[in-house]
Protein backbone atom coordinates (compact mmCIF):
# COMPACT_ATOMS: atom_id res chain seq x y z
CA MET A 1 26.37 -22.83 18.49
CA LEU A 2 22.86 -23.56 16.88
CA GLY A 3 24.53 -26.84 15.13
CA LEU A 4 25.67 -28.05 19.30
CA LEU A 5 22.25 -27.14 20.55
CA LEU A 6 20.62 -29.62 18.21
CA ARG A 7 22.13 -32.08 18.54
CA LEU A 8 22.19 -32.02 22.43
CA LEU A 9 18.22 -31.66 21.69
CA PRO A 10 16.03 -35.68 22.75
CA PHE A 11 15.38 -37.23 18.84
CA TRP A 12 11.61 -36.54 19.59
CA VAL A 13 12.13 -32.77 19.90
CA ARG A 14 14.86 -31.96 16.99
CA GLU A 15 13.43 -33.88 14.72
CA PRO A 16 10.29 -32.95 14.24
CA LEU A 17 11.61 -29.26 14.60
CA PHE A 18 14.03 -30.40 11.22
CA ILE A 19 10.57 -31.00 9.66
CA VAL A 20 9.05 -28.12 10.81
CA ILE A 21 11.66 -25.79 9.09
CA GLY A 22 12.34 -27.50 6.97
CA SER A 23 8.66 -27.75 5.10
CA VAL A 24 8.33 -24.02 6.23
CA LEU A 25 11.86 -22.56 4.67
CA GLY A 26 10.86 -25.17 1.21
CA LEU A 27 7.99 -23.82 0.74
CA ARG A 28 8.54 -20.64 1.56
CA LEU A 29 11.32 -20.25 -1.46
CA GLY A 30 9.33 -22.49 -3.88
CA TYR A 31 6.53 -19.78 -3.51
CA LEU A 32 9.16 -17.15 -4.05
CA ALA A 33 10.83 -19.29 -7.32
CA VAL A 34 6.73 -19.13 -9.06
CA HIS A 35 6.17 -15.45 -7.91
CA ASP A 36 9.17 -14.04 -8.43
CA HIS A 37 10.66 -16.33 -11.29
CA ASP A 38 13.78 -16.96 -9.14
CA ARG A 39 15.54 -19.87 -10.27
CA VAL A 40 18.10 -19.82 -7.04
CA ALA A 41 14.81 -19.80 -4.21
CA ALA A 42 13.96 -22.78 -6.51
CA VAL A 43 16.76 -24.93 -6.29
CA PHE A 44 17.41 -23.89 -2.30
CA GLY A 45 13.37 -24.85 -1.79
CA VAL A 46 13.93 -28.60 -3.11
CA VAL A 47 17.53 -28.53 -1.41
CA PHE A 48 15.31 -28.09 1.52
CA LEU A 49 12.33 -30.29 1.09
CA GLY A 50 14.61 -32.95 -0.36
CA PHE A 51 16.09 -32.60 3.59
CA THR A 52 12.60 -32.41 4.87
CA ALA A 53 11.52 -35.33 3.26
CA VAL A 54 14.68 -37.45 4.70
CA ARG A 55 13.40 -36.67 8.40
CA VAL A 56 9.87 -37.83 7.71
CA HIS A 57 11.38 -40.78 6.57
CA THR A 58 13.58 -41.17 9.26
CA VAL A 59 11.03 -40.28 12.18
CA VAL A 60 8.38 -42.79 10.77
CA ARG A 61 11.28 -45.74 10.40
CA ALA A 62 11.92 -44.59 14.49
CA LEU A 63 8.00 -44.89 15.00
CA ARG A 64 7.66 -48.68 13.28
CA ALA A 65 11.03 -49.88 15.26
CA ARG A 66 8.67 -48.44 19.02
CA ARG A 67 6.02 -50.10 17.66
CA ASN A 68 7.69 -53.85 16.93
CA PRO A 69 10.62 -53.99 18.92
CA GLY A 70 13.34 -56.65 18.00
CA PRO A 71 14.38 -59.82 20.59
CA ALA A 72 15.37 -59.04 23.96
CA ARG A 73 18.94 -59.14 24.39
CA ALA A 74 20.91 -62.01 26.15
CA GLN A 75 20.36 -62.17 29.49
CA ALA A 76 23.93 -61.62 31.63
CA PRO A 77 25.86 -64.55 33.73
CA ILE A 78 23.47 -65.47 36.58
CA GLN A 79 24.93 -64.11 40.30
CA ALA A 80 24.62 -65.75 43.17
CA PRO A 81 21.11 -64.61 44.74
CA ALA A 82 22.74 -62.37 47.56
CA GLN A 83 25.09 -60.70 45.39
CA ALA A 84 22.22 -60.12 42.74
CA GLN A 85 20.26 -58.42 45.20
CA ALA A 86 22.54 -55.89 46.69
CA ALA A 87 23.93 -55.36 43.22
CA ALA A 88 20.44 -54.40 41.50
CA GLY A 89 18.19 -53.66 44.41
CA PRO A 90 15.10 -54.01 45.19
CA ARG A 91 13.29 -55.77 41.98
CA PRO A 92 10.47 -53.92 40.54
CA ALA A 93 6.64 -55.10 41.69
CA PRO A 94 5.39 -57.52 38.88
CA GLY A 95 3.63 -56.09 35.86
CA ALA A 96 5.59 -52.69 36.17
CA PRO A 97 5.81 -50.76 32.69
CA GLU A 98 9.24 -49.49 32.52
CA LYS A 99 9.81 -45.46 31.81
CA ASP A 100 8.15 -44.24 28.65
CA HIS A 101 9.80 -40.94 27.61
CA ASN A 102 6.25 -40.62 25.33
CA ALA A 103 7.52 -39.71 22.12
CA TRP A 104 4.36 -38.49 20.91
CA GLY A 105 4.23 -36.07 23.72
CA GLN A 106 7.76 -34.81 23.30
CA ALA A 107 6.29 -34.09 19.23
CA VAL A 108 3.81 -32.70 19.85
CA ALA A 109 5.68 -29.98 22.48
CA ALA A 110 8.16 -28.74 19.58
CA VAL A 111 5.60 -28.58 16.84
CA ALA A 112 4.12 -26.53 19.72
CA VAL A 113 6.91 -24.67 20.84
CA PHE A 114 8.89 -24.61 17.13
CA GLY A 115 5.24 -23.56 15.67
CA ALA A 116 5.70 -20.00 16.26
CA LEU A 117 9.25 -19.72 14.92
CA ALA A 118 7.54 -21.60 11.79
CA ALA A 119 4.64 -18.91 12.24
CA THR A 120 7.41 -15.83 12.14
CA ILE A 121 9.47 -17.04 9.25
CA TRP A 122 6.72 -17.26 6.41
CA LEU A 123 5.24 -13.94 7.67
CA SER A 124 8.27 -11.79 8.15
CA PRO A 125 7.90 -10.67 4.31
CA HIS A 126 4.59 -9.09 5.32
CA LEU A 127 5.49 -7.71 8.71
CA MET A 128 8.78 -6.22 8.52
CA PRO A 129 9.52 -3.16 6.28
CA SER A 130 10.20 -4.29 2.60
CA ASP A 131 13.29 -3.60 0.30
CA ASP A 132 11.05 -2.66 -2.70
CA ASN A 133 11.72 0.52 -3.64
CA THR A 134 9.06 1.23 -5.97
CA PRO A 135 7.91 4.53 -4.94
CA ARG A 136 4.96 5.04 -2.87
CA ALA A 137 1.80 7.10 -4.35
CA ALA A 138 2.12 11.07 -2.79
CA SER A 139 -0.76 11.02 0.44
CA CYS A 140 -2.26 14.19 0.86
CA SER A 141 -0.63 16.38 3.49
CA ASP A 142 -3.34 16.98 6.68
CA THR A 143 -4.64 19.91 6.27
CA GLU A 144 -8.20 19.18 8.52
CA HIS A 145 -7.01 21.75 11.91
CA GLU A 146 -5.53 24.65 10.29
CA ALA A 147 -7.66 27.47 10.74
CA LEU A 148 -10.46 28.68 8.35
CA PRO A 149 -10.39 32.00 6.55
CA LYS A 150 -13.92 33.91 7.29
CA ALA A 151 -15.33 33.40 3.79
CA TYR A 152 -16.00 29.84 4.86
CA ARG A 153 -17.73 29.91 7.92
CA LYS A 154 -19.97 33.10 5.71
CA THR A 155 -20.12 29.75 3.28
CA PRO A 156 -21.51 26.99 4.61
CA ARG A 157 -21.09 24.10 1.26
CA ALA A 158 -17.96 25.32 0.98
CA VAL A 159 -15.83 22.25 1.09
CA THR A 160 -11.91 21.92 2.16
CA GLY A 161 -8.52 21.54 0.31
CA ASP A 162 -8.41 18.40 2.01
CA ASP A 163 -11.86 17.66 0.76
CA LEU A 164 -10.26 17.86 -2.67
CA CYS A 165 -7.02 16.64 -2.08
CA LYS A 166 -8.55 13.16 -0.89
CA ALA A 167 -11.21 13.01 -3.82
CA LEU A 168 -8.76 14.25 -6.09
CA ASN A 169 -5.77 11.77 -4.91
CA ARG A 170 -7.25 8.40 -6.00
CA PRO A 171 -5.48 5.33 -7.50
CA ASP A 172 -7.00 5.26 -10.55
CA LEU A 173 -6.15 8.86 -11.10
CA ALA A 174 -3.12 8.01 -13.88
CA ARG A 175 -4.82 5.72 -15.75
CA LEU A 176 -7.64 7.88 -16.16
CA LEU A 177 -5.17 10.63 -17.75
CA GLY A 178 -4.19 7.96 -19.85
CA THR A 179 -0.82 7.63 -18.03
CA PRO A 180 -1.59 4.27 -16.09
CA GLY A 181 2.12 4.07 -14.76
CA GLU A 182 3.30 7.00 -13.25
CA THR A 183 2.59 6.91 -9.29
CA ALA A 184 2.19 10.56 -8.05
CA THR A 185 5.28 13.16 -6.75
CA THR A 186 3.45 15.29 -4.75
CA ALA A 187 0.07 16.40 -3.42
CA SER A 188 -1.44 18.86 -1.38
CA GLY A 189 -4.35 21.31 -0.29
CA SER A 190 -5.16 24.23 0.49
CA ASN A 191 -7.58 26.72 1.73
CA GLY A 192 -7.27 30.19 -0.12
CA THR A 193 -9.52 32.46 -1.06
CA ALA A 194 -10.58 33.79 -4.83
CA ALA A 195 -8.34 36.20 -5.74
CA LEU A 196 -9.59 40.01 -6.26
CA THR A 197 -12.11 39.41 -4.18
CA ASP A 198 -10.87 41.14 -0.08
CA GLU A 199 -11.11 37.45 0.74
CA LYS A 200 -14.74 37.03 0.93
CA VAL A 201 -14.98 34.06 -1.83
CA ALA A 202 -13.74 30.51 -0.25
CA ARG A 203 -11.68 29.30 -2.92
CA PRO A 204 -10.03 25.88 -2.11
CA GLU A 205 -8.12 23.92 -4.01
CA ALA A 206 -5.74 20.47 -4.28
CA GLU A 207 -2.86 19.61 -7.04
CA ILE A 208 -1.31 15.27 -7.79
CA MET A 209 1.39 15.72 -9.59
CA PHE A 210 3.01 12.96 -11.98
CA ASP A 211 6.11 12.94 -14.20
CA THR A 212 3.92 13.52 -17.24
CA TYR A 213 0.74 15.87 -16.29
CA THR A 214 -0.21 17.97 -13.26
CA VAL A 215 -3.62 17.81 -11.78
CA ASN A 216 -5.55 21.33 -10.34
CA LEU A 217 -8.71 21.07 -8.75
CA SER A 218 -10.22 23.94 -7.16
CA ALA A 219 -14.20 25.06 -6.17
CA ALA A 220 -14.82 28.43 -6.65
CA TYR A 221 -17.69 30.10 -4.45
CA ASP A 222 -18.92 33.04 -6.46
CA ARG A 223 -21.82 33.97 -7.65
CA MET A 224 -20.88 33.74 -11.49
CA SER A 225 -23.52 30.71 -13.69
CA THR A 226 -21.50 28.65 -16.10
CA ALA A 227 -23.19 30.61 -19.06
CA GLN A 228 -21.49 34.02 -17.51
CA TYR A 229 -18.13 32.60 -17.57
CA VAL A 230 -18.74 31.36 -21.05
CA LYS A 231 -19.83 34.99 -22.20
CA LEU A 232 -16.33 35.95 -19.96
CA ILE A 233 -14.16 33.72 -21.92
CA ASP A 234 -15.48 35.69 -25.54
CA ILE A 235 -14.53 39.07 -24.14
CA ALA A 236 -11.17 37.80 -23.08
CA GLY A 237 -7.87 37.96 -25.09
CA ASP A 238 -5.58 36.01 -23.42
CA ARG A 239 -7.78 32.76 -23.60
CA VAL A 240 -7.85 30.31 -26.95
CA GLU A 241 -11.43 30.75 -27.53
CA ASP A 242 -11.36 28.15 -30.48
CA ASP A 243 -11.14 25.74 -28.06
CA VAL A 244 -14.14 26.68 -25.47
CA LYS A 245 -16.48 24.04 -25.68
CA THR A 246 -20.33 23.85 -23.74
CA LEU A 247 -21.99 20.65 -22.56
CA LYS A 248 -23.00 19.30 -19.76
CA VAL A 249 -21.81 16.72 -17.19
CA LEU A 250 -23.13 14.55 -14.02
CA GLY A 251 -26.49 16.66 -14.95
CA ARG A 252 -25.29 20.17 -14.97
CA PRO A 253 -23.26 23.13 -16.80
CA ALA A 254 -20.30 22.63 -17.82
CA VAL A 255 -17.39 24.52 -20.10
CA PHE A 256 -14.10 22.79 -21.56
CA SER A 257 -11.74 25.79 -21.57
CA SER A 258 -7.60 26.91 -22.50
CA ASP A 259 -5.50 29.11 -21.39
CA HIS A 260 -1.40 29.31 -21.00
CA THR A 261 0.04 29.06 -17.42
CA MET A 262 2.43 31.43 -16.06
CA LYS A 263 6.53 30.82 -16.15
CA ILE A 264 8.15 32.86 -13.45
CA GLU A 265 11.53 31.81 -12.27
CA PHE A 266 13.80 32.75 -9.07
CA ARG A 267 17.62 33.05 -9.59
CA LEU A 268 19.23 32.46 -6.67
CA GLY A 269 22.92 33.96 -6.14
CA GLY A 270 24.98 34.96 -8.70
CA GLY A 271 23.94 38.15 -8.48
CA GLN A 272 21.38 38.04 -11.19
CA LYS A 273 17.88 39.09 -11.22
CA SER A 274 15.03 36.99 -11.25
CA ALA A 275 13.52 36.17 -14.95
CA PRO A 276 9.70 38.27 -15.73
CA VAL A 277 6.44 36.17 -15.32
CA GLN A 278 6.21 34.93 -18.88
CA GLN A 279 3.45 32.46 -20.91
CA GLY A 280 4.16 28.87 -19.64
CA PRO A 281 2.53 25.82 -21.54
CA LEU A 282 -1.03 25.17 -22.13
CA ALA A 283 -2.97 24.25 -20.14
CA ARG A 284 -6.67 22.41 -20.14
CA THR A 285 -9.87 23.42 -17.93
CA LEU A 286 -13.54 21.39 -17.60
CA SER A 287 -15.48 23.86 -15.28
CA VAL A 288 -18.68 21.88 -13.63
CA ALA A 289 -21.43 23.93 -11.74
CA LEU A 290 -21.71 23.48 -8.52
CA ASP A 291 -25.30 22.33 -9.07
CA ARG A 292 -27.63 21.44 -11.79
CA LYS A 293 -29.59 24.66 -11.81
CA ASP A 294 -26.32 26.74 -12.06
CA ARG A 295 -27.12 29.24 -9.80
CA GLY A 296 -23.50 29.94 -9.45
CA GLY A 297 -19.84 28.91 -8.49
CA SER A 298 -17.80 25.72 -9.77
CA TYR A 299 -15.76 22.85 -9.98
CA ASP A 300 -12.68 23.63 -12.29
CA ILE A 301 -10.61 20.59 -13.02
CA THR A 302 -7.50 21.66 -14.94
CA VAL A 303 -4.62 19.53 -16.30
CA TRP A 304 -1.27 21.06 -18.14
CA SER A 305 2.35 19.15 -18.55
CA LYS A 306 5.63 20.98 -19.08
CA SER A 307 6.08 19.53 -22.02
CA GLY A 308 2.83 21.34 -23.21
CA ALA A 309 1.53 18.13 -23.93
CA LEU A 310 -2.47 17.48 -22.74
CA PRO A 311 -5.01 14.91 -22.24
CA SER A 312 -7.86 14.62 -24.23
CA ASP A 313 -11.04 16.06 -23.12
CA SER A 314 -12.36 12.48 -22.43
CA ALA A 315 -10.03 11.97 -20.19
CA LEU A 316 -11.29 15.11 -17.73
CA LEU A 317 -14.31 13.90 -18.23
CA GLY A 318 -13.97 10.46 -17.04
CA ILE A 319 -11.58 12.17 -13.84
CA ALA A 320 -14.66 14.96 -13.49
CA GLU A 321 -17.31 11.39 -13.37
CA LYS A 322 -15.42 10.25 -10.71
CA VAL A 323 -13.93 12.34 -8.31
CA LEU A 324 -17.04 15.25 -8.10
CA PRO A 325 -19.53 12.61 -6.74
CA ALA A 326 -16.50 12.00 -4.16
CA ILE A 327 -16.53 15.68 -2.95
CA PRO A 328 -18.14 15.49 0.44
CA GLU A 329 -21.45 17.68 0.95
CA ARG A 330 -20.77 20.56 3.55
CA SER A 331 -23.60 21.99 5.18
CA ALA A 332 -21.25 24.26 7.61
CA HIS A 333 -18.35 24.34 9.21
């Protein structure tokens, strides 16, 4: 059907159309061949460009023929004046030009009409859904419109889990962890409260999960300073005390510490009971005071993995230096 339609089109419409389609397809296939190293696309690109070159040559020859017409055809035998006038009808006025098909106007119209087709073909890979199966990075779930616990209203500077998730879910987070080829599989934020505080202390948190590591960022709005927290670590017997390091991060007191995660197994069906809580892999935490005066509260960045492997402390430092300045300052909720 398309071939029949093209054959019925006038020459000065059909040929520009062939040139537009052939050049667009040829250039597009050439781009894909270079970008994706596709030899098949390169071959088809050369074919379309060659086809276009032939059509351009045909149009050029036709234009030259119109500019330089050949000798006039031999005149027909002379008829009787009366018969000739009756057969031919009224003669045209002297010097009146013959009807011109306006070849240039048709060519311009063809290019204008089918320009949209060419643009659609060229831009289709960007405008239409891609068949690329590359996994997309997880985005933070929207919790901005959820009702906040009373503890958040009583803490003017408290941020939300959504704020922390947006600050933590950086495009370069995997690279900061030392696994640049990975993509975040889940990203979430929550507006919880600190344990054993009767829901009076706000503790929002966010968590980003990769294939290798899981990163958790939380904010504690209690009155415990970093110095007090270090003393608490010395007292707690379940901490890995040898890994405790105090330092300064962004001009604020900070401390590195390690602790084991909890492993909980739920067995569904079969009449089997769930296993008791067990000690999970080791987690590494960098706690940074909320302000330089260390008046209480902290941002805690914790990293762990199922295998027990941990990134270097410099990786956590890099995350803190990039993420903490991105957390918005809140004066009221």
